[in-house]
């Protein structure tokens, strides 16, 4: 009687899988036809003080017009896409290359954020977003509660 054993990995040795980042390193079709898998998640810093949250995302190589920042149902979504084109024409040949870069990141916002006052700026590869907080409502009515 045989034993039931779980086999880790596929046909390709683990070293090949680690190097190519796939179980089958020759499955190029998947890498070219599913571009969402190449979206990068930028590093982020979140700084909080009494008045606001400050969010900083590292996104070098983009321009202001490449960014899309929106709030929908309490979620702040940040994305950017950039197309790079390079054309070269000489006497005997013509070369044309395209590449695309994209980033995406989302943050669930706390309830005390004033969504209409969110501000974003981009400079020197750093996207800065300021998320102002609502003033905390302090209850001024004092009520004594008797313990029964």
Protein backbone atom coordinates (compact mmCIF):
# COMPACT_ATOMS: atom_id res chain seq x y z
CA UNK A 1 0.00 0.00 0.00
CA UNK A 2 1.37 3.43 -0.98
CA UNK A 3 1.55 6.62 1.02
CA UNK A 4 -0.17 9.85 0.13
CA UNK A 5 2.37 12.67 -0.13
CA UNK A 6 2.11 16.29 -1.16
CA UNK A 7 4.50 17.29 -3.91
CA UNK A 8 5.76 20.88 -3.74
CA UNK A 9 6.29 22.68 -7.02
CA UNK A 10 5.97 21.49 -10.55
CA UNK A 11 8.26 20.04 -13.16
CA UNK A 12 10.92 22.73 -12.90
CA UNK A 13 13.46 22.66 -10.05
CA UNK A 14 12.99 25.22 -7.29
CA UNK A 15 16.10 27.18 -8.33
CA UNK A 16 14.70 27.74 -11.84
CA UNK A 17 11.31 28.71 -10.40
CA UNK A 18 12.91 31.24 -8.04
CA UNK A 19 15.05 32.76 -10.80
CA UNK A 20 12.25 33.19 -13.35
CA UNK A 21 9.50 33.86 -10.80
CA UNK A 22 7.20 31.21 -12.24
CA UNK A 23 6.55 27.51 -12.08
CA UNK A 24 7.06 27.28 -15.84
CA UNK A 25 9.75 29.76 -16.95
CA UNK A 26 8.76 29.40 -20.61
CA UNK A 27 5.18 30.51 -20.11
CA UNK A 28 5.87 33.90 -21.73
CA UNK A 29 2.29 34.26 -22.94
CA UNK A 30 1.08 34.73 -19.37
CA UNK A 31 3.66 37.44 -18.71
CA UNK A 32 2.74 39.42 -21.84
CA UNK A 33 -1.03 39.04 -21.89
CA UNK A 34 -1.80 39.71 -18.23
CA UNK A 35 -0.33 43.17 -17.57
CA UNK A 36 -2.10 43.59 -14.20
CA UNK A 37 0.41 41.17 -12.71
CA UNK A 38 3.20 43.70 -13.33
CA UNK A 39 1.61 46.56 -11.38
CA UNK A 40 3.92 47.73 -8.66
CA UNK A 41 2.92 48.73 -5.14
CA UNK A 42 4.89 51.85 -4.12
CA UNK A 43 6.41 52.27 -0.68
CA UNK A 44 4.42 54.56 1.59
CA UNK A 45 4.96 56.57 4.78
CA UNK A 46 1.98 57.50 6.94
CA UNK A 47 2.50 60.37 9.38
CA UNK A 48 -0.21 61.38 11.85
CA UNK A 49 -0.57 64.44 14.01
CA UNK A 50 -3.53 66.04 15.79
CA UNK A 51 -4.81 67.89 12.69
CA UNK A 52 -4.11 65.52 9.79
CA UNK A 53 -2.60 62.43 8.24
CA UNK A 54 0.23 62.90 5.76
CA UNK A 55 0.79 60.17 3.21
CA UNK A 56 4.00 60.00 1.16
CA UNK A 57 4.40 57.59 -1.75
CA UNK A 58 7.65 56.95 -3.56
CA UNK A 59 6.86 57.09 -7.29
CA UNK A 60 9.87 58.23 -9.35
CA UNK A 61 9.64 58.57 -13.11
CA UNK A 62 6.07 59.85 -13.27
CA UNK A 63 4.57 63.29 -13.90
CA UNK A 64 1.67 65.05 -12.15
CA UNK A 65 -0.66 64.28 -15.05
CA UNK A 66 -0.01 60.52 -14.73
CA UNK A 67 -1.69 60.25 -11.30
CA UNK A 68 -5.28 59.45 -10.51
CA UNK A 69 -6.25 59.97 -6.85
CA UNK A 70 -9.85 59.38 -5.78
CA UNK A 71 -11.96 58.53 -2.75
CA UNK A 72 -14.83 56.10 -3.10
CA UNK A 73 -16.82 54.68 -0.20
CA UNK A 74 -14.13 55.46 2.37
CA UNK A 75 -11.22 54.08 0.32
CA UNK A 76 -8.44 56.31 -1.01
CA UNK A 77 -7.22 54.87 -4.34
CA UNK A 78 -3.99 56.03 -5.93
CA UNK A 79 -2.84 54.93 -9.36
CA UNK A 80 -0.46 56.13 -12.05
CA UNK A 81 0.36 54.92 -15.53
CA UNK A 82 3.09 56.03 -17.87
CA UNK A 83 3.91 54.98 -21.39
CA UNK A 84 7.53 55.19 -22.52
CA UNK A 85 8.24 55.39 -26.26
CA UNK A 86 11.61 55.30 -27.93
CA UNK A 87 12.03 55.62 -31.67
CA UNK A 88 15.25 55.51 -33.60
CA UNK A 89 15.60 55.78 -37.35
CA UNK A 90 18.82 55.36 -39.29
CA UNK A 91 19.76 54.66 -42.85
CA UNK A 92 19.27 50.88 -42.83
CA UNK A 93 16.82 50.27 -40.00
CA UNK A 94 14.05 51.63 -37.85
CA UNK A 95 13.64 50.77 -34.18
CA UNK A 96 10.54 51.48 -32.11
CA UNK A 97 10.20 50.42 -28.48
CA UNK A 98 7.33 50.77 -26.02
CA UNK A 99 7.12 50.10 -22.33
CA UNK A 100 4.56 50.83 -19.65
CA UNK A 101 4.90 51.56 -15.94
CA UNK A 102 2.03 51.53 -13.50
CA UNK A 103 1.52 51.68 -9.77
CA UNK A 104 -1.54 51.17 -7.57
CA UNK A 105 -2.18 51.53 -3.86
CA UNK A 106 -5.34 51.83 -1.76
CA UNK A 107 -5.95 52.89 1.83
CA UNK A 108 -9.08 52.52 3.98
CA UNK A 109 -9.77 55.93 5.49
CA UNK A 110 -10.85 56.46 9.08
CA UNK A 111 -14.27 58.07 9.58
CA UNK A 112 -12.83 61.34 10.89
CA UNK A 113 -11.25 62.39 7.55
CA UNK A 114 -12.66 65.45 5.75
CA UNK A 115 -12.78 63.94 2.27
CA UNK A 116 -13.62 67.22 0.52
CA UNK A 117 -10.37 68.81 1.82
CA UNK A 118 -7.87 66.13 0.74
CA UNK A 119 -4.92 67.65 -1.13
CA UNK A 120 -2.21 65.98 -3.26
CA UNK A 121 1.11 67.27 -4.64
CA UNK A 122 3.87 65.58 -6.63
CA UNK A 123 7.47 66.72 -6.66
CA UNK A 124 10.84 65.02 -7.21
CA UNK A 125 9.40 61.49 -7.34
CA UNK A 126 7.37 61.85 -4.15
CA UNK A 127 3.57 62.01 -4.07
CA UNK A 128 2.37 63.78 -0.91
CA UNK A 129 -1.26 63.58 0.16
CA UNK A 130 -2.66 65.54 3.11
CA UNK A 131 -5.77 64.08 4.76
CA UNK A 132 -7.25 66.64 7.20
CA UNK A 133 -9.13 65.35 10.22
CA UNK A 134 -12.49 66.57 11.47
CA UNK A 135 -12.35 68.36 14.79
CA UNK A 136 -13.22 66.00 17.59
CA UNK A 137 -16.56 66.77 19.14
CA UNK A 138 -16.19 67.04 22.88
CA UNK A 139 -19.37 66.43 24.77
CA UNK A 140 -20.04 69.43 26.99
CA UNK A 141 -23.11 67.99 28.64
CA UNK A 142 -22.22 66.38 31.92
CA UNK A 143 -24.52 63.71 33.24
CA UNK A 144 -24.20 61.79 36.48
CA UNK A 145 -25.16 58.14 36.25
CA UNK A 146 -26.25 56.39 39.40
CA UNK A 147 -25.07 52.88 40.03
CA UNK A 148 -27.96 50.67 41.11
